[in-house]
C-alpha cells in the first residue's frame, strides 16, 4: 500500500473522532477519547496529519511531537525552529483505520510514518520515540518489526485509565 500524508482537516478529523471505534480492550484507542487533540486546528499540518491510500481514502493518522530533555512537549508554534526541535527527541503517534488493523499493514505503515515525520520536520536527531500500553502486544510486535526497542516502562494514562506502558525508540 502506498501512503500519502496530508494536513489534517475538519472532514478527516471528524470522521476519525466520530467513526473510528476499536474492539474490546483496544477501545481505549478510540479517537472520541482524543477529540481535543485530533480537532486542534493549530496542529493540522504542523503535527497532525491524515494518511491516505493510493485511492485517496482516509486510512490512518499521524501525530508528531517533540519531547525535550526534561520530558516536556514542545508547542506547535515552535516546530518551525529546527535548532530547538533537533535538541529534542521526535515523538510519534499514529493510528490505522480500525477495519485495517490485523491485516498485515502495520509494519509498513509505521515505517512510512517514521520516514514522513523525519523528513517533514527535517529532524536530525538520533532517535524517534513512541509509547504503547503493555497489554497491546500486537502493536509492540509491529513496532519491533519496524525497528523500535523498549527502553523504559512506566505507568501512563490513556483515555483516563491507568496502564503499564512501554516507551520505545528507533535509532535513525
N, C-alpha and C. Protein backbone atom coordinates (compact mmCIF):
# COMPACT_ATOMS: atom_id res chain seq x y z
N UNK A 1 0.85 -1.18 0.00
CA UNK A 1 0.00 0.00 0.00
C UNK A 1 0.90 1.24 0.00
N UNK A 2 0.55 2.19 -0.83
CA UNK A 2 1.27 3.47 -0.88
C UNK A 2 0.52 4.48 -0.01
N UNK A 3 1.28 5.30 0.73
CA UNK A 3 0.67 6.25 1.65
C UNK A 3 0.97 7.68 1.23
N UNK A 4 -0.02 8.53 1.38
CA UNK A 4 0.13 9.96 1.16
C UNK A 4 -0.25 10.65 2.46
N UNK A 5 0.60 11.59 2.89
CA UNK A 5 0.36 12.33 4.13
C UNK A 5 -0.07 13.74 3.76
N UNK A 6 -1.18 14.16 4.35
CA UNK A 6 -1.72 15.50 4.09
C UNK A 6 -2.09 16.13 5.43
N UNK A 7 -2.09 17.46 5.50
CA UNK A 7 -2.51 18.09 6.76
C UNK A 7 -3.92 17.63 7.14
N UNK A 8 -4.11 17.38 8.41
CA UNK A 8 -5.44 17.02 8.91
C UNK A 8 -6.38 18.18 8.59
N UNK A 9 -7.64 17.87 8.37
CA UNK A 9 -8.65 18.90 8.15
C UNK A 9 -9.92 18.50 8.90
N UNK A 10 -10.92 19.35 8.84
CA UNK A 10 -12.15 19.12 9.60
C UNK A 10 -12.85 17.83 9.18
N UNK A 11 -12.93 17.58 7.90
CA UNK A 11 -13.62 16.38 7.42
C UNK A 11 -12.93 15.11 7.93
N UNK A 12 -11.62 15.03 7.76
CA UNK A 12 -10.89 13.85 8.20
C UNK A 12 -10.95 13.71 9.72
N UNK A 13 -10.70 14.80 10.43
CA UNK A 13 -10.70 14.74 11.90
C UNK A 13 -12.06 14.30 12.43
N UNK A 14 -13.13 14.85 11.88
CA UNK A 14 -14.48 14.47 12.33
C UNK A 14 -14.76 13.00 12.04
N UNK A 15 -14.35 12.53 10.88
CA UNK A 15 -14.54 11.12 10.54
C UNK A 15 -13.82 10.23 11.54
N UNK A 16 -12.56 10.57 11.84
CA UNK A 16 -11.76 9.78 12.77
C UNK A 16 -12.39 9.79 14.17
N UNK A 17 -12.73 10.96 14.66
CA UNK A 17 -13.28 11.08 16.02
C UNK A 17 -14.65 10.41 16.12
N UNK A 18 -15.48 10.58 15.11
CA UNK A 18 -16.87 10.09 15.20
C UNK A 18 -17.05 8.62 14.84
N UNK A 19 -16.17 8.07 14.00
CA UNK A 19 -16.46 6.72 13.49
C UNK A 19 -15.39 5.66 13.75
N UNK A 20 -14.18 6.04 14.09
CA UNK A 20 -13.14 5.03 14.28
C UNK A 20 -13.26 4.44 15.68
N UNK A 21 -13.80 3.24 15.76
CA UNK A 21 -14.02 2.54 17.03
C UNK A 21 -13.28 1.20 16.98
N UNK A 22 -12.46 0.96 17.99
CA UNK A 22 -11.69 -0.28 18.07
C UNK A 22 -12.39 -1.25 18.99
N UNK A 23 -12.14 -2.54 18.80
CA UNK A 23 -12.85 -3.59 19.54
C UNK A 23 -12.22 -3.90 20.89
N UNK A 24 -13.07 -4.29 21.80
CA UNK A 24 -12.73 -4.80 23.13
C UNK A 24 -11.75 -3.89 23.86
N UNK A 25 -10.65 -4.47 24.37
CA UNK A 25 -9.71 -3.69 25.18
C UNK A 25 -9.03 -2.57 24.39
N UNK A 26 -9.05 -2.68 23.07
CA UNK A 26 -8.43 -1.65 22.23
C UNK A 26 -9.30 -0.39 22.12
N UNK A 27 -10.49 -0.42 22.70
CA UNK A 27 -11.37 0.75 22.65
C UNK A 27 -10.76 1.96 23.36
N UNK A 28 -9.75 1.74 24.20
CA UNK A 28 -9.08 2.89 24.82
C UNK A 28 -8.43 3.78 23.77
N UNK A 29 -8.20 3.22 22.59
CA UNK A 29 -7.58 3.99 21.50
C UNK A 29 -8.61 4.69 20.61
N UNK A 30 -9.91 4.56 20.93
CA UNK A 30 -10.93 5.26 20.14
C UNK A 30 -10.63 6.75 20.13
N UNK A 31 -10.75 7.35 18.99
CA UNK A 31 -10.42 8.77 18.84
C UNK A 31 -11.44 9.69 19.48
N UNK A 32 -12.59 9.18 19.85
CA UNK A 32 -13.54 10.02 20.61
C UNK A 32 -12.88 10.41 21.93
N UNK A 33 -11.95 9.59 22.41
CA UNK A 33 -11.19 9.90 23.62
C UNK A 33 -10.09 10.93 23.38
N UNK A 34 -9.76 11.17 22.12
CA UNK A 34 -8.69 12.08 21.72
C UNK A 34 -9.22 13.24 20.88
N UNK A 35 -10.48 13.55 21.02
CA UNK A 35 -11.11 14.56 20.18
C UNK A 35 -10.41 15.91 20.28
N UNK A 36 -10.04 16.32 21.49
CA UNK A 36 -9.37 17.63 21.64
C UNK A 36 -8.10 17.70 20.82
N UNK A 37 -7.32 16.62 20.83
CA UNK A 37 -6.09 16.58 20.06
C UNK A 37 -6.38 16.58 18.56
N UNK A 38 -7.23 15.67 18.13
CA UNK A 38 -7.49 15.50 16.69
C UNK A 38 -8.15 16.73 16.09
N UNK A 39 -8.96 17.43 16.85
CA UNK A 39 -9.68 18.61 16.35
C UNK A 39 -8.93 19.92 16.62
N UNK A 40 -7.68 19.84 17.06
CA UNK A 40 -6.85 21.02 17.33
C UNK A 40 -6.31 21.58 16.01
N UNK A 41 -7.00 22.57 15.48
CA UNK A 41 -6.64 23.13 14.17
C UNK A 41 -5.22 23.67 14.13
N UNK A 42 -4.70 24.11 15.26
CA UNK A 42 -3.33 24.62 15.30
C UNK A 42 -2.33 23.51 14.92
N UNK A 43 -2.67 22.28 15.21
CA UNK A 43 -1.80 21.15 14.91
C UNK A 43 -1.90 20.64 13.49
N UNK A 44 -2.99 20.96 12.80
CA UNK A 44 -3.19 20.44 11.45
C UNK A 44 -2.08 20.94 10.53
N UNK A 45 -1.32 20.01 10.00
CA UNK A 45 -0.21 20.35 9.11
C UNK A 45 1.08 20.65 9.85
N UNK A 46 1.02 20.90 11.14
CA UNK A 46 2.22 21.07 11.95
C UNK A 46 2.62 19.74 12.58
N UNK A 47 1.66 19.13 13.25
CA UNK A 47 1.96 17.87 13.92
C UNK A 47 0.87 16.83 13.75
N UNK A 48 -0.21 17.17 13.08
CA UNK A 48 -1.32 16.22 12.90
C UNK A 48 -1.62 16.09 11.41
N UNK A 49 -1.52 14.84 10.93
CA UNK A 49 -1.66 14.56 9.50
C UNK A 49 -2.63 13.41 9.27
N UNK A 50 -3.35 13.49 8.18
CA UNK A 50 -4.18 12.39 7.72
C UNK A 50 -3.33 11.55 6.78
N UNK A 51 -3.57 10.25 6.79
CA UNK A 51 -2.85 9.34 5.91
C UNK A 51 -3.87 8.74 4.94
N UNK A 52 -3.58 8.88 3.66
CA UNK A 52 -4.47 8.39 2.60
C UNK A 52 -3.81 7.24 1.86
N UNK A 53 -4.63 6.34 1.33
CA UNK A 53 -4.07 5.29 0.47
C UNK A 53 -3.99 5.78 -0.97
N UNK A 54 -3.57 4.90 -1.88
CA UNK A 54 -3.39 5.30 -3.27
C UNK A 54 -4.68 5.73 -3.96
N UNK A 55 -5.83 5.32 -3.40
CA UNK A 55 -7.12 5.75 -3.96
C UNK A 55 -7.60 7.06 -3.34
N UNK A 56 -6.86 7.57 -2.38
CA UNK A 56 -7.25 8.82 -1.72
C UNK A 56 -8.19 8.62 -0.54
N UNK A 57 -8.34 7.37 -0.09
CA UNK A 57 -9.20 7.08 1.06
C UNK A 57 -8.43 7.31 2.36
N UNK A 58 -9.10 7.84 3.35
CA UNK A 58 -8.52 8.04 4.66
C UNK A 58 -8.30 6.69 5.34
N UNK A 59 -7.05 6.35 5.63
CA UNK A 59 -6.78 5.05 6.24
C UNK A 59 -5.97 5.15 7.55
N UNK A 60 -5.53 6.37 7.89
CA UNK A 60 -4.75 6.50 9.12
C UNK A 60 -4.52 7.94 9.51
N UNK A 61 -3.87 8.10 10.65
CA UNK A 61 -3.46 9.43 11.11
C UNK A 61 -2.08 9.33 11.70
N UNK A 62 -1.35 10.44 11.64
CA UNK A 62 -0.02 10.55 12.21
C UNK A 62 0.05 11.81 13.05
N UNK A 63 0.54 11.66 14.27
CA UNK A 63 0.76 12.80 15.15
C UNK A 63 2.25 12.88 15.45
N UNK A 64 2.80 14.07 15.29
CA UNK A 64 4.22 14.32 15.51
C UNK A 64 4.36 15.31 16.66
N UNK A 65 5.25 15.01 17.58
CA UNK A 65 5.56 15.92 18.68
C UNK A 65 7.06 15.85 18.95
N UNK A 66 7.53 16.77 19.76
CA UNK A 66 8.92 16.76 20.20
C UNK A 66 8.94 16.82 21.71
N UNK A 67 9.82 16.03 22.32
CA UNK A 67 9.94 15.99 23.77
C UNK A 67 11.36 16.39 24.15
N UNK A 68 11.47 17.33 25.09
CA UNK A 68 12.80 17.83 25.46
C UNK A 68 13.42 16.97 26.56
N UNK A 69 14.61 17.34 26.99
CA UNK A 69 15.35 16.56 27.98
C UNK A 69 14.65 16.50 29.33
N UNK A 70 13.76 17.45 29.60
CA UNK A 70 13.01 17.46 30.86
C UNK A 70 11.68 16.71 30.73
N UNK A 71 11.43 16.13 29.57
CA UNK A 71 10.20 15.37 29.35
C UNK A 71 9.00 16.22 29.00
N UNK A 72 9.24 17.48 28.60
CA UNK A 72 8.15 18.39 28.24
C UNK A 72 7.97 18.41 26.72
N UNK A 73 6.71 18.47 26.30
CA UNK A 73 6.42 18.53 24.88
C UNK A 73 6.54 19.96 24.37
N UNK A 74 7.07 20.11 23.18
CA UNK A 74 7.24 21.40 22.52
C UNK A 74 5.91 21.82 21.90
N UNK A 75 5.59 23.09 21.96
CA UNK A 75 4.33 23.62 21.40
C UNK A 75 4.44 23.74 19.88
N UNK A 76 3.31 23.63 19.19
CA UNK A 76 3.29 23.69 17.72
C UNK A 76 3.97 24.93 17.14
N UNK A 77 3.78 26.13 17.69
CA UNK A 77 4.44 27.30 17.09
C UNK A 77 5.97 27.18 17.05
N UNK A 78 6.54 26.35 17.94
CA UNK A 78 7.99 26.18 17.97
C UNK A 78 8.49 25.12 16.99
N UNK A 79 7.59 24.43 16.30
CA UNK A 79 8.01 23.39 15.37
C UNK A 79 8.84 23.95 14.21
N UNK A 80 8.67 25.23 13.89
CA UNK A 80 9.43 25.84 12.80
C UNK A 80 10.88 26.10 13.19
N UNK A 81 11.20 26.05 14.47
CA UNK A 81 12.55 26.29 14.96
C UNK A 81 13.33 24.97 14.93
N UNK A 82 14.01 24.70 13.82
CA UNK A 82 14.72 23.44 13.66
C UNK A 82 15.85 23.26 14.67
N UNK A 83 16.48 24.33 15.09
CA UNK A 83 17.53 24.22 16.10
C UNK A 83 16.92 23.69 17.40
N UNK A 84 15.79 24.26 17.79
CA UNK A 84 15.11 23.82 19.01
C UNK A 84 14.64 22.37 18.89
N UNK A 85 13.93 22.06 17.82
CA UNK A 85 13.35 20.72 17.70
C UNK A 85 14.43 19.65 17.56
N UNK A 86 15.57 19.99 16.99
CA UNK A 86 16.63 18.99 16.88
C UNK A 86 17.41 18.81 18.18
N UNK A 87 17.11 19.62 19.20
CA UNK A 87 17.64 19.38 20.54
C UNK A 87 16.68 18.47 21.32
N UNK A 88 15.55 18.18 20.73
CA UNK A 88 14.52 17.34 21.35
C UNK A 88 14.52 15.98 20.68
N UNK A 89 13.71 15.08 21.22
CA UNK A 89 13.53 13.79 20.59
C UNK A 89 12.17 13.77 19.90
N UNK A 90 12.14 13.27 18.68
CA UNK A 90 10.91 13.18 17.91
C UNK A 90 10.03 12.09 18.51
N UNK A 91 8.78 12.46 18.78
CA UNK A 91 7.78 11.54 19.34
C UNK A 91 6.68 11.40 18.31
N UNK A 92 6.32 10.16 17.98
CA UNK A 92 5.25 9.97 17.02
C UNK A 92 4.15 9.10 17.62
N UNK A 93 2.96 9.35 17.14
CA UNK A 93 1.79 8.54 17.45
C UNK A 93 1.02 8.36 16.16
N UNK A 94 0.32 7.30 16.03
CA UNK A 94 -0.40 7.06 14.78
C UNK A 94 -1.52 6.08 15.03
N UNK A 95 -2.40 6.01 14.07
CA UNK A 95 -3.49 5.06 14.15
C UNK A 95 -3.90 4.64 12.76
N UNK A 96 -4.22 3.38 12.65
CA UNK A 96 -4.71 2.82 11.40
C UNK A 96 -6.22 2.64 11.54
N UNK A 97 -6.95 2.90 10.47
CA UNK A 97 -8.40 2.75 10.49
C UNK A 97 -8.76 1.37 11.04
N UNK A 98 -9.71 1.27 11.95
CA UNK A 98 -10.00 0.01 12.64
C UNK A 98 -10.22 -1.20 11.74
N UNK A 99 -10.86 -1.03 10.60
CA UNK A 99 -11.11 -2.19 9.74
C UNK A 99 -9.85 -2.68 9.03
N UNK A 100 -8.75 -1.94 9.13
CA UNK A 100 -7.48 -2.34 8.51
C UNK A 100 -6.52 -2.98 9.51
N UNK A 101 -6.85 -2.90 10.80
CA UNK A 101 -5.99 -3.47 11.84
C UNK A 101 -6.00 -5.00 11.72
N UNK A 102 -4.83 -5.59 11.88
CA UNK A 102 -4.72 -7.05 11.85
C UNK A 102 -4.65 -7.65 10.47
N UNK A 103 -4.45 -6.83 9.45
CA UNK A 103 -4.40 -7.32 8.07
C UNK A 103 -2.99 -7.26 7.47
N UNK A 104 -1.98 -7.06 8.31
CA UNK A 104 -0.60 -7.08 7.83
C UNK A 104 -0.07 -5.74 7.32
N UNK A 105 -0.79 -4.66 7.57
CA UNK A 105 -0.35 -3.34 7.11
C UNK A 105 0.56 -2.63 8.11
N UNK A 106 0.56 -3.08 9.37
CA UNK A 106 1.16 -2.35 10.47
C UNK A 106 2.60 -1.93 10.29
N UNK A 107 3.50 -2.87 9.99
CA UNK A 107 4.93 -2.55 9.93
C UNK A 107 5.22 -1.53 8.84
N UNK A 108 4.67 -1.73 7.66
CA UNK A 108 4.91 -0.77 6.57
C UNK A 108 4.30 0.59 6.89
N UNK A 109 3.15 0.58 7.53
CA UNK A 109 2.51 1.83 7.92
C UNK A 109 3.38 2.59 8.92
N UNK A 110 3.87 1.89 9.95
CA UNK A 110 4.72 2.51 10.96
C UNK A 110 5.99 3.06 10.31
N UNK A 111 6.62 2.29 9.45
CA UNK A 111 7.86 2.74 8.81
C UNK A 111 7.61 3.95 7.92
N UNK A 112 6.48 3.98 7.23
CA UNK A 112 6.14 5.14 6.40
C UNK A 112 5.90 6.37 7.26
N UNK A 113 5.25 6.18 8.41
CA UNK A 113 5.01 7.31 9.33
C UNK A 113 6.32 7.87 9.87
N UNK A 114 7.25 7.00 10.26
CA UNK A 114 8.55 7.44 10.76
C UNK A 114 9.28 8.22 9.67
N UNK A 115 9.33 7.67 8.48
CA UNK A 115 10.03 8.33 7.37
C UNK A 115 9.42 9.70 7.09
N UNK A 116 8.11 9.77 7.03
CA UNK A 116 7.46 11.05 6.76
C UNK A 116 7.74 12.06 7.88
N UNK A 117 7.62 11.63 9.12
CA UNK A 117 7.84 12.54 10.26
C UNK A 117 9.26 13.11 10.24
N UNK A 118 10.23 12.26 10.00
CA UNK A 118 11.63 12.70 9.98
C UNK A 118 11.86 13.69 8.84
N UNK A 119 11.35 13.37 7.66
CA UNK A 119 11.53 14.27 6.50
C UNK A 119 10.75 15.56 6.66
N UNK A 120 9.50 15.46 7.07
CA UNK A 120 8.64 16.64 7.18
C UNK A 120 9.18 17.65 8.18
N UNK A 121 9.70 17.16 9.30
CA UNK A 121 10.19 18.05 10.35
C UNK A 121 11.70 18.32 10.23
N UNK A 122 12.31 17.80 9.18
CA UNK A 122 13.77 17.97 8.97
C UNK A 122 14.53 17.62 10.25
N UNK A 123 14.18 16.48 10.78
CA UNK A 123 14.72 16.03 12.05
C UNK A 123 16.06 15.35 11.85
N UNK A 124 17.05 15.74 12.64
CA UNK A 124 18.39 15.17 12.54
C UNK A 124 18.83 14.51 13.84
N UNK A 125 17.88 14.24 14.71
CA UNK A 125 18.21 13.62 15.99
C UNK A 125 18.57 12.16 15.82
N UNK A 126 18.88 11.56 16.95
CA UNK A 126 19.35 10.18 16.94
C UNK A 126 18.21 9.17 16.99
N UNK A 127 17.09 9.54 17.65
CA UNK A 127 16.01 8.59 17.88
C UNK A 127 14.64 9.17 17.53
N UNK A 128 13.73 8.24 17.26
CA UNK A 128 12.30 8.51 17.21
C UNK A 128 11.69 7.68 18.33
N UNK A 129 10.74 8.25 19.04
CA UNK A 129 10.17 7.62 20.23
C UNK A 129 8.65 7.48 20.09
N UNK A 130 8.10 6.47 20.78
CA UNK A 130 6.65 6.30 20.87
C UNK A 130 6.33 5.63 22.20
N UNK A 131 5.06 5.61 22.54
CA UNK A 131 4.59 4.94 23.75
C UNK A 131 3.44 4.01 23.41
N UNK A 132 3.33 2.93 24.17
CA UNK A 132 2.28 1.94 23.91
C UNK A 132 1.92 1.24 25.22
N UNK A 133 0.65 0.91 25.39
CA UNK A 133 0.22 0.15 26.56
C UNK A 133 0.79 -1.26 26.48
N UNK A 134 1.29 -1.77 27.60
CA UNK A 134 1.93 -3.09 27.63
C UNK A 134 1.00 -4.22 27.21
N UNK A 135 -0.29 -4.09 27.46
CA UNK A 135 -1.20 -5.16 27.06
C UNK A 135 -1.30 -5.27 25.54
N UNK A 136 -0.91 -4.23 24.82
CA UNK A 136 -1.06 -4.19 23.37
C UNK A 136 0.14 -4.87 22.70
N UNK A 137 0.25 -6.17 22.93
CA UNK A 137 1.37 -6.93 22.38
C UNK A 137 1.35 -6.96 20.85
N UNK A 138 0.19 -6.87 20.27
CA UNK A 138 0.07 -6.83 18.81
C UNK A 138 0.83 -5.62 18.28
N UNK A 139 0.63 -4.45 18.90
CA UNK A 139 1.33 -3.24 18.45
C UNK A 139 2.82 -3.31 18.77
N UNK A 140 3.16 -3.81 19.95
CA UNK A 140 4.57 -3.90 20.34
C UNK A 140 5.34 -4.75 19.33
N UNK A 141 4.78 -5.88 18.92
CA UNK A 141 5.44 -6.74 17.92
C UNK A 141 5.61 -6.00 16.60
N UNK A 142 4.60 -5.24 16.22
CA UNK A 142 4.68 -4.46 14.98
C UNK A 142 5.79 -3.42 15.08
N UNK A 143 5.85 -2.71 16.21
CA UNK A 143 6.88 -1.68 16.39
C UNK A 143 8.27 -2.30 16.39
N UNK A 144 8.41 -3.48 17.00
CA UNK A 144 9.71 -4.15 17.00
C UNK A 144 10.11 -4.54 15.58
N UNK A 145 9.17 -5.02 14.79
CA UNK A 145 9.46 -5.34 13.39
C UNK A 145 9.90 -4.10 12.60
N UNK A 146 9.40 -2.94 13.02
CA UNK A 146 9.75 -1.68 12.36
C UNK A 146 11.06 -1.08 12.92
N UNK A 147 11.71 -1.79 13.86
CA UNK A 147 13.00 -1.36 14.37
C UNK A 147 12.99 -0.66 15.72
N UNK A 148 11.84 -0.59 16.38
CA UNK A 148 11.77 0.03 17.71
C UNK A 148 12.16 -0.98 18.78
N UNK A 149 12.75 -0.46 19.86
CA UNK A 149 13.10 -1.29 21.01
C UNK A 149 12.59 -0.61 22.28
N UNK A 150 12.12 -1.44 23.22
CA UNK A 150 11.69 -0.90 24.51
C UNK A 150 12.91 -0.35 25.24
N UNK A 151 12.74 0.82 25.86
CA UNK A 151 13.83 1.36 26.65
C UNK A 151 13.39 1.78 28.05
N UNK A 152 12.08 1.81 28.28
CA UNK A 152 11.60 2.22 29.60
C UNK A 152 10.16 1.77 29.76
N UNK A 153 9.80 1.43 30.99
CA UNK A 153 8.41 1.14 31.32
C UNK A 153 7.96 2.15 32.35
N UNK A 154 6.70 2.52 32.28
CA UNK A 154 6.15 3.49 33.21
C UNK A 154 4.65 3.27 33.30
N UNK A 155 4.05 3.91 34.26
CA UNK A 155 2.61 3.92 34.36
C UNK A 155 2.14 5.14 33.58
N UNK A 156 1.24 4.93 32.65
CA UNK A 156 0.74 6.03 31.83
C UNK A 156 -0.77 6.06 31.85
N UNK A 157 -1.30 7.13 31.32
CA UNK A 157 -2.75 7.29 31.26
C UNK A 157 -3.18 7.34 29.80
N UNK A 158 -4.16 6.52 29.49
CA UNK A 158 -4.75 6.50 28.15
C UNK A 158 -6.24 6.59 28.34
N UNK A 159 -6.84 7.60 27.77
CA UNK A 159 -8.29 7.78 27.86
C UNK A 159 -8.79 7.77 29.29
N UNK A 160 -8.02 8.36 30.19
CA UNK A 160 -8.43 8.49 31.57
C UNK A 160 -8.23 7.24 32.42
N UNK A 161 -7.65 6.18 31.83
CA UNK A 161 -7.38 4.95 32.56
C UNK A 161 -5.87 4.78 32.70
N UNK A 162 -5.45 4.19 33.80
CA UNK A 162 -4.04 3.98 34.07
C UNK A 162 -3.60 2.60 33.56
N UNK A 163 -2.46 2.58 32.87
CA UNK A 163 -1.92 1.34 32.30
C UNK A 163 -0.41 1.31 32.46
N UNK A 164 0.13 0.10 32.51
CA UNK A 164 1.57 -0.07 32.35
C UNK A 164 1.87 0.20 30.88
N UNK A 165 2.84 1.06 30.64
CA UNK A 165 3.19 1.44 29.27
C UNK A 165 4.66 1.18 29.01
N UNK A 166 4.97 0.95 27.76
CA UNK A 166 6.36 0.84 27.32
C UNK A 166 6.67 2.04 26.45
N UNK A 167 7.85 2.60 26.67
CA UNK A 167 8.36 3.61 25.76
C UNK A 167 9.36 2.91 24.87
N UNK A 168 9.25 3.17 23.59
CA UNK A 168 10.10 2.51 22.61
C UNK A 168 10.80 3.55 21.76
N UNK A 169 12.00 3.20 21.31
CA UNK A 169 12.80 4.08 20.46
C UNK A 169 13.29 3.33 19.24
N UNK A 170 13.48 4.09 18.19
CA UNK A 170 14.12 3.57 16.98
C UNK A 170 15.29 4.48 16.67
N UNK A 171 16.46 3.89 16.53
CA UNK A 171 17.64 4.67 16.16
C UNK A 171 17.57 4.94 14.66
N UNK A 172 17.83 6.20 14.32
CA UNK A 172 17.79 6.58 12.90
C UNK A 172 19.15 6.37 12.24
